Amino acid sequence: ILKQKKDDYRAFQAAWKEEFALVDRAGSAVCLICNHKIASMKRSKIKRHFDTHHALFASKYPAGDSRKRAREELQRRVQTSQQRLRVWTRQGDGSSASFAGALAIVRNGKPLTDDEYAKTFMVDVANELFDYFPNKDKIIKQTKAMPLTARTVHDRTIMMANQVEETKIKDINAGTYFSLALDESTDVSHLFQCSIIARYGAGDTLREESLAVLPMKGTTRGEDLFTSFMEITKEKKLPRDKLISVCTDG
């Protein structure tokens, strides 16, 4: 009985899905909010991750129906991403593994030239990890054949970014109303930029997504911000008749 309780303690608990927005993926607890894989199945460590990194999510979506709907929306996004990955794979000339590799490189802010290092690392690890597998040679061969050059990572990244942007615009056009927030700031190279963030409804969920970061050439007067705003709405084909609010920082 004690061993059974210990095994249950280390197993994924169904209640964690809504309490901490987790899913069980290949025997590991994966956070739907940040996609972080939590190594331990101990509730204390899972709760620590949630309280430390997602306090804002917890306050915005209290336990109950609101958090359940938020988790379902996160789950839907994951499923949509997986469907996109299959679409990208059919459109491209490689496997879904190359998209996953490209996503990992850019998500962690690594140079595109880290591609060959990443592949070499995977081959070296696979040689040891799958040493006793009967299909080891096939695994090594597929890993070496995976397209992951700097050019491939660049093309995959552009393809994924375009697909994500198309989905945002589609959701905005399908909604009843939307609002925008404009914020002018300066980057490390002293270039003035205008960030545009959209808030819109998608199904029964309210979303906030970045639409663009525009470089501001010359002056940054209200007239210049308005010109940039009009250009971006025209370029992205945003439905201005559904725009109900524009917020700026002054």
Protein backbone atom coordinates (compact mmCIF):
# COMPACT_ATOMS: atom_id res chain seq x y z
CA ILE A 1 0.00 0.00 0.00
CA LEU A 2 2.84 2.37 0.88
CA LYS A 3 4.54 1.70 -2.47
CA GLN A 4 1.27 2.35 -4.32
CA LYS A 5 0.83 5.69 -2.54
CA LYS A 6 4.42 6.61 -3.40
CA ASP A 7 3.86 5.76 -7.07
CA ASP A 8 0.64 7.79 -7.11
CA TYR A 9 2.51 10.68 -5.52
CA ARG A 10 5.02 10.67 -8.36
CA ALA A 11 2.40 10.30 -11.07
CA PHE A 12 0.69 13.15 -12.90
CA GLN A 13 -2.50 14.17 -11.12
CA ALA A 14 -5.56 15.09 -13.20
CA ALA A 15 -6.39 17.95 -10.82
CA TRP A 16 -3.15 19.71 -11.81
CA LYS A 17 -4.53 20.38 -15.29
CA GLU A 18 -6.84 23.13 -14.08
CA GLU A 19 -5.06 24.05 -10.86
CA PHE A 20 -1.67 24.72 -12.46
CA ALA A 21 -2.47 24.71 -16.23
CA LEU A 22 -0.40 21.59 -16.89
CA VAL A 23 -0.55 18.67 -19.30
CA ASP A 24 0.98 15.23 -19.12
CA ARG A 25 3.32 14.88 -22.07
CA ALA A 26 5.32 11.66 -22.40
CA GLY A 27 5.36 11.14 -18.65
CA SER A 28 6.39 14.71 -17.81
CA ALA A 29 4.41 17.66 -16.50
CA VAL A 30 4.52 20.47 -19.07
CA CYS A 31 3.31 23.98 -18.31
CA LEU A 32 0.83 25.27 -20.89
CA ILE A 33 1.68 28.89 -20.04
CA CYS A 34 5.44 28.86 -20.65
CA ASN A 35 5.93 25.38 -22.19
CA HIS A 36 8.43 24.53 -19.44
CA LYS A 37 8.92 20.86 -18.64
CA ILE A 38 8.94 20.31 -14.88
CA ALA A 39 11.39 17.57 -14.01
CA SER A 40 9.75 16.44 -10.78
CA MET A 41 6.21 15.19 -10.31
CA LYS A 42 6.14 16.45 -6.73
CA ARG A 43 3.24 18.80 -6.11
CA SER A 44 5.40 21.15 -4.05
CA LYS A 45 7.81 21.76 -6.94
CA ILE A 46 4.99 22.15 -9.44
CA LYS A 47 3.27 24.65 -7.16
CA ARG A 48 6.55 26.53 -6.67
CA HIS A 49 6.93 26.87 -10.44
CA PHE A 50 3.37 28.14 -10.80
CA ASP A 51 3.58 30.60 -7.89
CA THR A 52 7.02 31.90 -8.90
CA HIS A 53 6.53 32.34 -12.64
CA HIS A 54 2.78 32.68 -13.14
CA ALA A 55 1.47 34.76 -10.26
CA LEU A 56 -0.11 37.18 -12.75
CA PHE A 57 -1.96 34.33 -14.45
CA ALA A 58 -3.19 33.10 -11.06
CA SER A 59 -4.53 36.53 -10.10
CA LYS A 60 -6.07 37.14 -13.52
CA TYR A 61 -7.75 33.74 -13.62
CA PRO A 62 -8.77 32.64 -10.10
CA ALA A 63 -9.37 28.95 -9.47
CA GLY A 64 -12.72 27.91 -10.87
CA ASP A 65 -14.50 28.45 -14.16
CA SER A 66 -12.29 31.35 -15.28
CA ARG A 67 -9.09 29.32 -14.89
CA LYS A 68 -10.71 26.33 -16.54
CA ARG A 69 -11.61 28.44 -19.59
CA ALA A 70 -8.10 29.94 -19.66
CA ARG A 71 -6.52 26.49 -19.54
CA GLU A 72 -8.79 25.25 -22.32
CA GLU A 73 -7.75 28.23 -24.44
CA LEU A 74 -4.07 27.49 -23.79
CA GLN A 75 -4.67 23.86 -24.72
CA ARG A 76 -6.41 24.95 -27.90
CA ARG A 77 -3.42 27.11 -28.82
CA VAL A 78 -1.08 24.16 -28.35
CA GLN A 79 -3.24 22.01 -30.60
CA THR A 80 -3.37 24.80 -33.18
CA SER A 81 0.43 25.08 -33.08
CA GLN A 82 0.74 21.34 -33.66
CA GLN A 83 -1.61 21.59 -36.63
CA ARG A 84 0.45 24.48 -38.02
CA LEU A 85 3.59 22.40 -37.63
CA ARG A 86 2.07 19.68 -39.79
CA VAL A 87 1.08 22.29 -42.38
CA TRP A 88 4.57 23.81 -42.37
CA THR A 89 6.07 20.35 -42.78
CA ARG A 90 3.98 19.70 -45.87
CA GLN A 91 4.89 23.11 -47.29
CA GLY A 92 8.61 22.79 -46.60
CA ASP A 93 11.16 20.30 -47.83
CA GLY A 94 12.08 18.73 -44.50
CA SER A 95 10.65 17.11 -41.43
CA SER A 96 8.84 18.60 -38.46
CA ALA A 97 12.06 18.07 -36.50
CA SER A 98 13.74 20.89 -38.42
CA PHE A 99 10.90 23.24 -37.46
CA ALA A 100 11.22 22.17 -33.83
CA GLY A 101 14.98 22.76 -34.00
CA ALA A 102 14.56 26.18 -35.61
CA LEU A 103 11.97 27.16 -33.00
CA ALA A 104 14.27 26.10 -30.15
CA ILE A 105 17.17 28.14 -31.58
CA VAL A 106 15.22 31.39 -32.03
CA ARG A 107 13.16 30.98 -28.85
CA ASN A 108 16.37 30.84 -26.80
CA GLY A 109 17.90 33.80 -28.65
CA LYS A 110 20.73 31.77 -30.15
CA PRO A 111 22.53 32.70 -33.39
CA LEU A 112 21.30 30.95 -36.52
CA THR A 113 24.84 29.60 -36.94
CA ASP A 114 24.31 27.37 -33.88
CA ASP A 115 22.51 24.96 -36.19
CA GLU A 116 25.48 22.72 -36.96
CA TYR A 117 26.53 22.70 -33.32
CA ALA A 118 23.02 21.61 -32.34
CA LYS A 119 23.00 18.80 -34.89
CA THR A 120 26.47 17.62 -33.86
CA PHE A 121 25.33 17.62 -30.24
CA MET A 122 22.25 15.53 -31.08
CA VAL A 123 24.26 13.01 -33.10
CA ASP A 124 26.86 12.60 -30.35
CA VAL A 125 24.17 12.13 -27.70
CA ALA A 126 22.17 9.75 -29.89
CA ASN A 127 25.25 7.59 -30.41
CA GLU A 128 25.37 6.93 -26.68
CA LEU A 129 21.70 7.17 -25.77
CA PHE A 130 20.46 4.71 -28.40
CA ASP A 131 23.48 2.41 -28.32
CA TYR A 132 21.37 -0.68 -27.56
CA PHE A 133 18.48 0.18 -29.88
CA PRO A 134 18.15 -2.11 -32.91
CA ASN A 135 17.32 0.88 -35.13
CA LYS A 136 20.17 3.05 -33.87
CA ASP A 137 21.69 3.45 -37.34
CA LYS A 138 18.36 4.69 -38.71
CA ILE A 139 18.04 7.24 -35.88
CA ILE A 140 21.56 8.55 -36.49
CA LYS A 141 20.97 8.70 -40.24
CA GLN A 142 17.73 10.69 -39.86
CA THR A 143 19.37 13.06 -37.38
CA LYS A 144 22.24 13.76 -39.77
CA ALA A 145 19.82 14.22 -42.68
CA MET A 146 17.67 16.74 -40.79
CA PRO A 147 17.84 20.11 -42.60
CA LEU A 148 19.10 22.61 -40.04
CA THR A 149 21.44 25.02 -41.81
CA ALA A 150 21.43 28.72 -40.97
CA ARG A 151 19.42 29.38 -44.14
CA THR A 152 16.91 26.66 -43.23
CA VAL A 153 16.48 28.04 -39.70
CA HIS A 154 15.94 31.51 -41.17
CA ASP A 155 13.34 30.28 -43.67
CA ARG A 156 11.54 28.15 -41.09
CA THR A 157 11.41 31.09 -38.67
CA ILE A 158 9.96 33.43 -41.30
CA MET A 159 7.36 30.81 -42.25
CA MET A 160 6.27 30.30 -38.64
CA ALA A 161 6.18 34.05 -37.93
CA ASN A 162 4.03 34.71 -41.00
CA GLN A 163 1.60 31.96 -40.02
CA VAL A 164 1.26 33.33 -36.48
CA GLU A 165 0.65 36.85 -37.81
CA GLU A 166 -1.96 35.62 -40.27
CA THR A 167 -3.79 33.90 -37.42
CA LYS A 168 -3.84 37.13 -35.37
CA ILE A 169 -5.24 39.17 -38.27
CA LYS A 170 -7.81 36.48 -39.02
CA ASP A 171 -9.01 36.46 -35.39
CA ILE A 172 -9.21 40.28 -35.31
CA ASN A 173 -11.29 40.37 -38.49
CA ALA A 174 -13.55 37.60 -37.20
CA GLY A 175 -14.20 39.41 -33.92
CA THR A 176 -16.82 42.06 -33.20
CA TYR A 177 -14.47 44.80 -31.96
CA PHE A 178 -10.83 45.36 -31.14
CA SER A 179 -8.65 48.03 -29.52
CA LEU A 180 -5.03 49.10 -29.91
CA ALA A 181 -2.31 50.39 -27.59
CA LEU A 182 0.55 52.47 -29.02
CA ASP A 183 3.78 52.94 -27.12
CA GLU A 184 6.84 54.90 -28.28
CA SER A 185 10.22 53.82 -26.92
CA THR A 186 13.93 53.86 -27.77
CA ASP A 187 16.06 50.75 -28.32
CA VAL A 188 19.73 50.25 -27.39
CA SER A 189 20.87 51.81 -30.69
CA HIS A 190 18.89 55.00 -29.88
CA LEU A 191 16.34 54.26 -32.60
CA PHE A 192 12.82 55.44 -31.83
CA GLN A 193 10.22 52.70 -32.17
CA CYS A 194 6.46 52.46 -31.98
CA SER A 195 5.01 49.27 -30.49
CA ILE A 196 1.45 48.36 -31.46
CA ILE A 197 -0.47 45.93 -29.26
CA ALA A 198 -3.96 44.67 -30.07
CA ARG A 199 -6.65 43.51 -27.67
CA TYR A 200 -9.44 41.47 -29.21
CA GLY A 201 -11.83 38.64 -28.54
CA ALA A 202 -11.23 35.17 -29.94
CA GLY A 203 -14.09 32.86 -29.07
CA ASP A 204 -14.79 33.42 -25.37
CA THR A 205 -11.22 34.56 -24.62
CA LEU A 206 -9.82 38.09 -24.54
CA ARG A 207 -6.34 38.24 -26.07
CA GLU A 208 -3.53 40.78 -26.06
CA GLU A 209 -0.98 40.30 -28.84
CA SER A 210 1.84 42.35 -30.31
CA LEU A 211 1.09 43.35 -33.90
CA ALA A 212 4.20 45.29 -34.88
CA VAL A 213 7.25 47.25 -33.74
CA LEU A 214 7.76 50.10 -36.18
CA PRO A 215 10.99 52.11 -36.49
CA MET A 216 10.28 55.85 -36.30
CA LYS A 217 12.42 57.79 -38.75
CA GLY A 218 12.85 61.49 -38.11
CA THR A 219 10.51 63.04 -35.54
CA THR A 220 8.17 61.28 -33.11
CA ARG A 221 5.30 63.75 -32.95
CA GLY A 222 1.70 62.69 -32.63
CA GLU A 223 1.34 63.23 -36.36
CA ASP A 224 4.17 60.77 -37.02
CA LEU A 225 2.61 58.15 -34.76
CA PHE A 226 -0.72 58.61 -36.51
CA THR A 227 0.92 58.17 -39.92
CA SER A 228 2.61 54.95 -38.78
CA PHE A 229 -0.68 53.77 -37.32
CA MET A 230 -2.56 54.36 -40.59
CA GLU A 231 0.15 52.61 -42.59
CA ILE A 232 0.14 49.51 -40.39
CA THR A 233 -3.66 49.19 -40.42
CA LYS A 234 -3.61 49.39 -44.21
CA GLU A 235 -0.69 46.97 -44.55
CA LYS A 236 -2.22 44.35 -42.26
CA LYS A 237 -5.77 44.98 -43.52
CA LEU A 238 -7.16 45.69 -40.06
CA PRO A 239 -10.92 46.45 -39.99
CA ARG A 240 -10.92 50.10 -38.86
CA ASP A 241 -14.71 50.08 -38.56
CA LYS A 242 -14.31 47.60 -35.66
CA LEU A 243 -11.68 49.68 -33.85
CA ILE A 244 -13.31 51.09 -30.70
CA SER A 245 -10.32 52.40 -28.74
CA VAL A 246 -6.73 53.59 -29.22
CA CYS A 247 -4.60 54.01 -26.11
CA THR A 248 -1.24 55.82 -25.92
CA ASP A 249 1.19 56.53 -23.09
CA GLY A 250 0.76 60.26 -23.47
